[in-house]
Amino acid sequence: PGHVVIQEYAAPAKIPEAVTRRRLSDVLLSLPSA
């Protein structure tokens, strides 16, 4: 009610950490408007 909770799953080891961060940032940036 009135809120959204995001839970991040552990990314596969083959995916660079910087890529994981960027994708999470995309989620956090786009979700409020969506």
PDB file of all heavy atoms in Angstrom:
ATOM      1  N   PRO A   1       0.818  -1.225   0.000  1.00  0.00           N
ATOM      2  CA  PRO A   1       0.000   0.000   0.000  1.00  0.00           C
ATOM      3  C   PRO A   1       0.851   1.274   0.000  1.00  0.00           C
ATOM      4  O   PRO A   1       1.531   1.588   0.967  1.00  0.00           O
ATOM      5  CB  PRO A   1      -0.797  -0.128   1.306  1.00  0.00           C
ATOM      6  CG  PRO A   1      -0.914  -1.594   1.527  1.00  0.00           C
ATOM      7  CD  PRO A   1       0.388  -2.162   1.056  1.00  0.00           C
ATOM      8  N   GLY A   2       0.838   1.973  -1.132  1.00  0.00           N
ATOM      9  CA  GLY A   2       1.542   3.242  -1.243  1.00  0.00           C
ATOM     10  C   GLY A   2       3.039   3.138  -1.392  1.00  0.00           C
ATOM     11  O   GLY A   2       3.719   4.164  -1.450  1.00  0.00           O
ATOM     12  N   HIS A   3       3.595   1.927  -1.458  1.00  0.00           N
ATOM     13  CA  HIS A   3       5.038   1.746  -1.514  1.00  0.00           C
ATOM     14  C   HIS A   3       5.408   0.586  -2.439  1.00  0.00           C
ATOM     15  O   HIS A   3       4.574  -0.266  -2.751  1.00  0.00           O
ATOM     16  CB  HIS A   3       5.611   1.474  -0.125  1.00  0.00           C
ATOM     17  CG  HIS A   3       5.485   2.623   0.820  1.00  0.00           C
ATOM     18  ND1 HIS A   3       4.304   2.895   1.489  1.00  0.00           N
ATOM     19  CD2 HIS A   3       6.373   3.577   1.211  1.00  0.00           C
ATOM     20  CE1 HIS A   3       4.469   3.968   2.241  1.00  0.00           C
ATOM     21  NE2 HIS A   3       5.706   4.399   2.097  1.00  0.00           N
ATOM     22  N   VAL A   4       6.679   0.582  -2.828  1.00  0.00           N
ATOM     23  CA  VAL A   4       7.216  -0.508  -3.637  1.00  0.00           C
ATOM     24  C   VAL A   4       8.539  -0.947  -3.019  1.00  0.00           C
ATOM     25  O   VAL A   4       9.352  -0.098  -2.625  1.00  0.00           O
ATOM     26  CB  VAL A   4       7.448  -0.068  -5.104  1.00  0.00           C
ATOM     27  CG1 VAL A   4       8.194  -1.155  -5.881  1.00  0.00           C
ATOM     28  CG2 VAL A   4       6.126   0.230  -5.783  1.00  0.00           C
ATOM     29  N   VAL A   5       8.743  -2.249  -2.911  1.00  0.00           N
ATOM     30  CA  VAL A   5       9.988  -2.797  -2.378  1.00  0.00           C
ATOM     31  C   VAL A   5      10.696  -3.569  -3.475  1.00  0.00           C
ATOM     32  O   VAL A   5      10.100  -4.443  -4.121  1.00  0.00           O
ATOM     33  CB  VAL A   5       9.737  -3.706  -1.159  1.00  0.00           C
ATOM     34  CG1 VAL A   5      11.032  -4.402  -0.734  1.00  0.00           C
ATOM     35  CG2 VAL A   5       9.175  -2.899  -0.002  1.00  0.00           C
ATOM     36  N   ILE A   6      11.975  -3.223  -3.698  1.00  0.00           N
ATOM     37  CA  ILE A   6      12.808  -3.918  -4.676  1.00  0.00           C
ATOM     38  C   ILE A   6      13.791  -4.802  -3.927  1.00  0.00           C
ATOM     39  O   ILE A   6      14.474  -4.342  -3.016  1.00  0.00           O
ATOM     40  CB  ILE A   6      13.585  -2.925  -5.556  1.00  0.00           C
ATOM     41  CG1 ILE A   6      12.634  -1.978  -6.277  1.00  0.00           C
ATOM     42  CG2 ILE A   6      14.462  -3.660  -6.563  1.00  0.00           C
ATOM     43  CD1 ILE A   6      13.346  -0.847  -7.003  1.00  0.00           C
ATOM     44  N   GLN A   7      13.870  -6.056  -4.310  1.00  0.00           N
ATOM     45  CA  GLN A   7      14.867  -6.968  -3.758  1.00  0.00           C
ATOM     46  C   GLN A   7      15.797  -7.388  -4.888  1.00  0.00           C
ATOM     47  O   GLN A   7      15.353  -7.926  -5.900  1.00  0.00           O
ATOM     48  CB  GLN A   7      14.218  -8.190  -3.118  1.00  0.00           C
ATOM     49  CG  GLN A   7      13.360  -7.847  -1.916  1.00  0.00           C
ATOM     50  CD  GLN A   7      12.863  -9.081  -1.200  1.00  0.00           C
ATOM     51  OE1 GLN A   7      13.642  -9.928  -0.794  1.00  0.00           O
ATOM     52  NE2 GLN A   7      11.554  -9.191  -1.051  1.00  0.00           N
ATOM     53  N   GLU A   8      17.069  -7.129  -4.692  1.00  0.00           N
ATOM     54  CA  GLU A   8      18.060  -7.432  -5.722  1.00  0.00           C
ATOM     55  C   GLU A   8      18.590  -8.842  -5.528  1.00  0.00           C
ATOM     56  O   GLU A   8      19.049  -9.209  -4.453  1.00  0.00           O
ATOM     57  CB  GLU A   8      19.207  -6.426  -5.634  1.00  0.00           C
ATOM     58  CG  GLU A   8      20.279  -6.632  -6.692  1.00  0.00           C
ATOM     59  CD  GLU A   8      21.471  -5.736  -6.461  1.00  0.00           C
ATOM     60  OE1 GLU A   8      21.584  -5.164  -5.354  1.00  0.00           O
ATOM     61  OE2 GLU A   8      22.287  -5.616  -7.381  1.00  0.00           O
ATOM     62  N   TYR A   9      18.507  -9.657  -6.580  1.00  0.00           N
ATOM     63  CA  TYR A   9      19.095 -10.986  -6.549  1.00  0.00           C
ATOM     64  C   TYR A   9      20.594 -10.883  -6.816  1.00  0.00           C
ATOM     65  O   TYR A   9      21.063  -9.956  -7.483  1.00  0.00           O
ATOM     66  CB  TYR A   9      18.461 -11.894  -7.603  1.00  0.00           C
ATOM     67  CG  TYR A   9      16.997 -12.216  -7.366  1.00  0.00           C
ATOM     68  CD1 TYR A   9      16.044 -11.996  -8.356  1.00  0.00           C
ATOM     69  CD2 TYR A   9      16.569 -12.743  -6.153  1.00  0.00           C
ATOM     70  CE1 TYR A   9      14.708 -12.305  -8.154  1.00  0.00           C
ATOM     71  CE2 TYR A   9      15.235 -13.051  -5.939  1.00  0.00           C
ATOM     72  CZ  TYR A   9      14.308 -12.827  -6.938  1.00  0.00           C
ATOM     73  OH  TYR A   9      12.987 -13.130  -6.731  1.00  0.00           O
ATOM     74  N   ALA A  10      21.348 -11.837  -6.299  1.00  0.00           N
ATOM     75  CA  ALA A  10      22.788 -11.861  -6.564  1.00  0.00           C
ATOM     76  C   ALA A  10      23.021 -12.106  -8.050  1.00  0.00           C
ATOM     77  O   ALA A  10      22.451 -13.026  -8.644  1.00  0.00           O
ATOM     78  CB  ALA A  10      23.458 -12.945  -5.731  1.00  0.00           C
ATOM     79  N   ALA A  11      23.859 -11.270  -8.653  1.00  0.00           N
ATOM     80  CA  ALA A  11      24.139 -11.399 -10.080  1.00  0.00           C
ATOM     81  C   ALA A  11      25.131 -12.538 -10.320  1.00  0.00           C
ATOM     82  O   ALA A  11      25.974 -12.829  -9.463  1.00  0.00           O
ATOM     83  CB  ALA A  11      24.716 -10.102 -10.619  1.00  0.00           C
ATOM     84  N   PRO A  12      25.064 -13.196 -11.473  1.00  0.00           N
ATOM     85  CA  PRO A  12      26.069 -14.217 -11.807  1.00  0.00           C
ATOM     86  C   PRO A  12      27.468 -13.618 -11.790  1.00  0.00           C
ATOM     87  O   PRO A  12      27.668 -12.448 -12.119  1.00  0.00           O
ATOM     88  CB  PRO A  12      25.665 -14.645 -13.224  1.00  0.00           C
ATOM     89  CG  PRO A  12      24.216 -14.287 -13.344  1.00  0.00           C
ATOM     90  CD  PRO A  12      24.033 -13.056 -12.512  1.00  0.00           C
ATOM     91  N   ALA A  13      28.433 -14.416 -11.395  1.00  0.00           N
ATOM     92  CA  ALA A  13      29.810 -13.937 -11.251  1.00  0.00           C
ATOM     93  C   ALA A  13      30.380 -13.415 -12.565  1.00  0.00           C
ATOM     94  O   ALA A  13      31.269 -12.562 -12.563  1.00  0.00           O
ATOM     95  CB  ALA A  13      30.687 -15.055 -10.697  1.00  0.00           C
ATOM     96  N   LYS A  14      29.885 -13.914 -13.687  1.00  0.00           N
ATOM     97  CA  LYS A  14      30.436 -13.514 -14.985  1.00  0.00           C
ATOM     98  C   LYS A  14      30.040 -12.092 -15.384  1.00  0.00           C
ATOM     99  O   LYS A  14      30.645 -11.509 -16.296  1.00  0.00           O
ATOM    100  CB  LYS A  14      29.983 -14.493 -16.072  1.00  0.00           C
ATOM    101  CG  LYS A  14      28.478 -14.500 -16.311  1.00  0.00           C
ATOM    102  CD  LYS A  14      28.097 -15.505 -17.395  1.00  0.00           C
ATOM    103  CE  LYS A  14      26.579 -15.497 -17.636  1.00  0.00           C
ATOM    104  NZ  LYS A  14      26.189 -16.462 -18.677  1.00  0.00           N
ATOM    105  N   ILE A  15      29.043 -11.526 -14.715  1.00  0.00           N
ATOM    106  CA  ILE A  15      28.609 -10.172 -15.053  1.00  0.00           C
ATOM    107  C   ILE A  15      29.422  -9.177 -14.232  1.00  0.00           C
ATOM    108  O   ILE A  15      29.430  -9.248 -13.007  1.00  0.00           O
ATOM    109  CB  ILE A  15      27.111  -9.982 -14.772  1.00  0.00           C
ATOM    110  CG1 ILE A  15      26.290 -10.947 -15.641  1.00  0.00           C
ATOM    111  CG2 ILE A  15      26.685  -8.536 -15.046  1.00  0.00           C
ATOM    112  CD1 ILE A  15      24.802 -10.845 -15.433  1.00  0.00           C
ATOM    113  N   PRO A  16      30.117  -8.238 -14.865  1.00  0.00           N
ATOM    114  CA  PRO A  16      30.920  -7.249 -14.122  1.00  0.00           C
ATOM    115  C   PRO A  16      30.066  -6.453 -13.140  1.00  0.00           C
ATOM    116  O   PRO A  16      28.899  -6.139 -13.416  1.00  0.00           O
ATOM    117  CB  PRO A  16      31.476  -6.343 -15.226  1.00  0.00           C
ATOM    118  CG  PRO A  16      31.425  -7.174 -16.467  1.00  0.00           C
ATOM    119  CD  PRO A  16      30.216  -8.057 -16.321  1.00  0.00           C
ATOM    120  N   GLU A  17      30.663  -6.120 -12.018  1.00  0.00           N
ATOM    121  CA  GLU A  17      29.933  -5.394 -10.980  1.00  0.00           C
ATOM    122  C   GLU A  17      29.419  -4.055 -11.482  1.00  0.00           C
ATOM    123  O   GLU A  17      28.322  -3.625 -11.135  1.00  0.00           O
ATOM    124  CB  GLU A  17      30.835  -5.189  -9.764  1.00  0.00           C
ATOM    125  CG  GLU A  17      30.123  -4.537  -8.599  1.00  0.00           C
ATOM    126  CD  GLU A  17      31.048  -4.326  -7.412  1.00  0.00           C
ATOM    127  OE1 GLU A  17      32.173  -4.856  -7.436  1.00  0.00           O
ATOM    128  OE2 GLU A  17      30.638  -3.627  -6.481  1.00  0.00           O
ATOM    129  N   ALA A  18      30.214  -3.382 -12.325  1.00  0.00           N
ATOM    130  CA  ALA A  18      29.792  -2.083 -12.848  1.00  0.00           C
ATOM    131  C   ALA A  18      28.511  -2.217 -13.670  1.00  0.00           C
ATOM    132  O   ALA A  18      27.640  -1.335 -13.637  1.00  0.00           O
ATOM    133  CB  ALA A  18      30.902  -1.471 -13.699  1.00  0.00           C
ATOM    134  N   VAL A  19      28.376  -3.313 -14.410  1.00  0.00           N
ATOM    135  CA  VAL A  19      27.169  -3.545 -15.214  1.00  0.00           C
ATOM    136  C   VAL A  19      25.973  -3.767 -14.294  1.00  0.00           C
ATOM    137  O   VAL A  19      24.881  -3.245 -14.515  1.00  0.00           O
ATOM    138  CB  VAL A  19      27.375  -4.751 -16.153  1.00  0.00           C
ATOM    139  CG1 VAL A  19      26.078  -5.088 -16.877  1.00  0.00           C
ATOM    140  CG2 VAL A  19      28.487  -4.463 -17.152  1.00  0.00           C
ATOM    141  N   THR A  20      26.185  -4.555 -13.227  1.00  0.00           N
ATOM    142  CA  THR A  20      25.114  -4.810 -12.265  1.00  0.00           C
ATOM    143  C   THR A  20      24.642  -3.507 -11.636  1.00  0.00           C
ATOM    144  O   THR A  20      23.439  -3.266 -11.493  1.00  0.00           O
ATOM    145  CB  THR A  20      25.609  -5.771 -11.172  1.00  0.00           C
ATOM    146  OG1 THR A  20      26.038  -6.994 -11.773  1.00  0.00           O
ATOM    147  CG2 THR A  20      24.512  -6.063 -10.175  1.00  0.00           C
ATOM    148  N   ARG A  21      25.582  -2.653 -11.264  1.00  0.00           N
ATOM    149  CA  ARG A  21      25.221  -1.363 -10.664  1.00  0.00           C
ATOM    150  C   ARG A  21      24.401  -0.516 -11.625  1.00  0.00           C
ATOM    151  O   ARG A  21      23.406   0.104 -11.252  1.00  0.00           O
ATOM    152  CB  ARG A  21      26.483  -0.602 -10.273  1.00  0.00           C
ATOM    153  CG  ARG A  21      27.279  -1.185  -9.125  1.00  0.00           C
ATOM    154  CD  ARG A  21      28.452  -0.275  -8.855  1.00  0.00           C
ATOM    155  NE  ARG A  21      29.362  -0.793  -7.863  1.00  0.00           N
ATOM    156  CZ  ARG A  21      30.469  -0.174  -7.488  1.00  0.00           C
ATOM    157  NH1 ARG A  21      30.792   0.978  -8.056  1.00  0.00           N
ATOM    158  NH2 ARG A  21      31.262  -0.695  -6.574  1.00  0.00           N
ATOM    159  N   ARG A  22      24.858  -0.477 -12.877  1.00  0.00           N
ATOM    160  CA  ARG A  22      24.181   0.362 -13.856  1.00  0.00           C
ATOM    161  C   ARG A  22      22.749  -0.126 -14.082  1.00  0.00           C
ATOM    162  O   ARG A  22      21.818   0.684 -14.204  1.00  0.00           O
ATOM    163  CB  ARG A  22      24.960   0.364 -15.166  1.00  0.00           C
ATOM    164  CG  ARG A  22      24.398   1.331 -16.200  1.00  0.00           C
ATOM    165  CD  ARG A  22      25.326   1.489 -17.382  1.00  0.00           C
ATOM    166  NE  ARG A  22      25.532   0.258 -18.122  1.00  0.00           N
ATOM    167  CZ  ARG A  22      26.668  -0.437 -18.142  1.00  0.00           C
ATOM    168  NH1 ARG A  22      27.702  -0.014 -17.439  1.00  0.00           N
ATOM    169  NH2 ARG A  22      26.772  -1.537 -18.835  1.00  0.00           N
ATOM    170  N   ARG A  23      22.569  -1.443 -14.133  1.00  0.00           N
ATOM    171  CA  ARG A  23      21.226  -1.970 -14.357  1.00  0.00           C
ATOM    172  C   ARG A  23      20.318  -1.685 -13.166  1.00  0.00           C
ATOM    173  O   ARG A  23      19.140  -1.363 -13.343  1.00  0.00           O
ATOM    174  CB  ARG A  23      21.308  -3.474 -14.627  1.00  0.00           C
ATOM    175  CG  ARG A  23      21.924  -3.791 -15.987  1.00  0.00           C
ATOM    176  CD  ARG A  23      22.164  -5.270 -16.166  1.00  0.00           C
ATOM    177  NE  ARG A  23      22.729  -5.555 -17.485  1.00  0.00           N
ATOM    178  CZ  ARG A  23      23.199  -6.736 -17.860  1.00  0.00           C
ATOM    179  NH1 ARG A  23      23.182  -7.749 -17.011  1.00  0.00           N
ATOM    180  NH2 ARG A  23      23.699  -6.915 -19.080  1.00  0.00           N
ATOM    181  N   LEU A  24      20.867  -1.789 -11.959  1.00  0.00           N
ATOM    182  CA  LEU A  24      20.068  -1.471 -10.787  1.00  0.00           C
ATOM    183  C   LEU A  24      19.707   0.012 -10.781  1.00  0.00           C
ATOM    184  O   LEU A  24      18.593   0.393 -10.422  1.00  0.00           O
ATOM    185  CB  LEU A  24      20.819  -1.845  -9.514  1.00  0.00           C
ATOM    186  CG  LEU A  24      20.060  -1.599  -8.206  1.00  0.00           C
ATOM    187  CD1 LEU A  24      18.772  -2.408  -8.164  1.00  0.00           C
ATOM    188  CD2 LEU A  24      20.938  -1.933  -7.010  1.00  0.00           C
ATOM    189  N   SER A  25      20.639   0.861 -11.182  1.00  0.00           N
ATOM    190  CA  SER A  25      20.345   2.291 -11.276  1.00  0.00           C
ATOM    191  C   SER A  25      19.226   2.542 -12.269  1.00  0.00           C
ATOM    192  O   SER A  25      18.339   3.373 -12.030  1.00  0.00           O
ATOM    193  CB  SER A  25      21.601   3.067 -11.689  1.00  0.00           C
ATOM    194  OG  SER A  25      22.586   2.991 -10.688  1.00  0.00           O
ATOM    195  N   ASP A  26      19.242   1.824 -13.406  1.00  0.00           N
ATOM    196  CA  ASP A  26      18.176   1.960 -14.390  1.00  0.00           C
ATOM    197  C   ASP A  26      16.817   1.604 -13.784  1.00  0.00           C
ATOM    198  O   ASP A  26      15.812   2.280 -14.024  1.00  0.00           O
ATOM    199  CB  ASP A  26      18.454   1.053 -15.595  1.00  0.00           C
ATOM    200  CG  ASP A  26      19.492   1.633 -16.541  1.00  0.00           C
ATOM    201  OD1 ASP A  26      19.856   2.811 -16.367  1.00  0.00           O
ATOM    202  OD2 ASP A  26      19.940   0.907 -17.450  1.00  0.00           O
ATOM    203  N   VAL A  27      16.799   0.521 -12.995  1.00  0.00           N
ATOM    204  CA  VAL A  27      15.553   0.108 -12.344  1.00  0.00           C
ATOM    205  C   VAL A  27      15.053   1.205 -11.415  1.00  0.00           C
ATOM    206  O   VAL A  27      13.881   1.598 -11.443  1.00  0.00           O
ATOM    207  CB  VAL A  27      15.764  -1.207 -11.567  1.00  0.00           C
ATOM    208  CG1 VAL A  27      14.560  -1.494 -10.667  1.00  0.00           C
ATOM    209  CG2 VAL A  27      15.992  -2.362 -12.524  1.00  0.00           C
ATOM    210  N   LEU A  28      15.945   1.715 -10.581  1.00  0.00           N
ATOM    211  CA  LEU A  28      15.555   2.716  -9.599  1.00  0.00           C
ATOM    212  C   LEU A  28      15.155   4.038 -10.254  1.00  0.00           C
ATOM    213  O   LEU A  28      14.295   4.760  -9.742  1.00  0.00           O
ATOM    214  CB  LEU A  28      16.700   2.948  -8.616  1.00  0.00           C
ATOM    215  CG  LEU A  28      16.967   1.781  -7.658  1.00  0.00           C
ATOM    216  CD1 LEU A  28      18.332   1.925  -7.014  1.00  0.00           C
ATOM    217  CD2 LEU A  28      15.885   1.701  -6.601  1.00  0.00           C
ATOM    218  N   LEU A  29      15.786   4.359 -11.367  1.00  0.00           N
ATOM    219  CA  LEU A  29      15.448   5.593 -12.074  1.00  0.00           C
ATOM    220  C   LEU A  29      14.100   5.497 -12.781  1.00  0.00           C
ATOM    221  O   LEU A  29      13.323   6.452 -12.794  1.00  0.00           O
ATOM    222  CB  LEU A  29      16.537   5.921 -13.103  1.00  0.00           C
ATOM    223  CG  LEU A  29      17.777   6.645 -12.583  1.00  0.00           C
ATOM    224  CD1 LEU A  29      18.852   6.678 -13.656  1.00  0.00           C
ATOM    225  CD2 LEU A  29      17.417   8.057 -12.156  1.00  0.00           C
ATOM    226  N   SER A  30      13.831   4.364 -13.372  1.00  0.00           N
ATOM    227  CA  SER A  30      12.651   4.256 -14.231  1.00  0.00           C
ATOM    228  C   SER A  30      11.387   3.852 -13.482  1.00  0.00           C
ATOM    229  O   SER A  30      10.279   4.177 -13.919  1.00  0.00           O
ATOM    230  CB  SER A  30      12.919   3.238 -15.346  1.00  0.00           C
ATOM    231  OG  SER A  30      13.249   1.968 -14.808  1.00  0.00           O
ATOM    232  N   LEU A  31      11.530   3.179 -12.350  1.00  0.00           N
ATOM    233  CA  LEU A  31      10.360   2.616 -11.683  1.00  0.00           C
ATOM    234  C   LEU A  31       9.363   3.663 -11.186  1.00  0.00           C
ATOM    235  O   LEU A  31       8.153   3.479 -11.349  1.00  0.00           O
ATOM    236  CB  LEU A  31      10.823   1.715 -10.529  1.00  0.00           C
ATOM    237  CG  LEU A  31       9.799   0.688 -10.041  1.00  0.00           C
ATOM    238  CD1 LEU A  31       9.379  -0.236 -11.178  1.00  0.00           C
ATOM    239  CD2 LEU A  31      10.378  -0.136  -8.899  1.00  0.00           C
ATOM    240  N   PRO A  32       9.798   4.765 -10.537  1.00  0.00           N
ATOM    241  CA  PRO A  32       8.798   5.727 -10.047  1.00  0.00           C
ATOM    242  C   PRO A  32       7.864   6.236 -11.134  1.00  0.00           C
ATOM    243  O   PRO A  32       6.648   6.315 -10.931  1.00  0.00           O
ATOM    244  CB  PRO A  32       9.662   6.857  -9.466  1.00  0.00           C
ATOM    245  CG  PRO A  32      10.920   6.176  -9.047  1.00  0.00           C
ATOM    246  CD  PRO A  32      11.167   5.142 -10.119  1.00  0.00           C
ATOM    247  N   SER A  33       8.418   6.564 -12.295  1.00  0.00           N
ATOM    248  CA  SER A  33       7.566   7.058 -13.377  1.00  0.00           C
ATOM    249  C   SER A  33       6.684   5.948 -13.935  1.00  0.00           C
ATOM    250  O   SER A  33       5.511   6.165 -14.243  1.00  0.00           O
ATOM    251  CB  SER A  33       8.429   7.643 -14.496  1.00  0.00           C
ATOM    252  OG  SER A  33       9.082   8.810 -14.048  1.00  0.00           O
ATOM    253  N   ALA A  34       7.260   4.758 -14.068  1.00  0.00           N
ATOM    254  CA  ALA A  34       6.495   3.645 -14.625  1.00  0.00           C
ATOM    255  C   ALA A  34       5.300   3.298 -13.748  1.00  0.00           C
ATOM    256  O   ALA A  34       4.239   2.913 -14.246  1.00  0.00           O
ATOM    257  CB  ALA A  34       7.398   2.428 -14.793  1.00  0.00           C
TER     258      ALA A  34
END
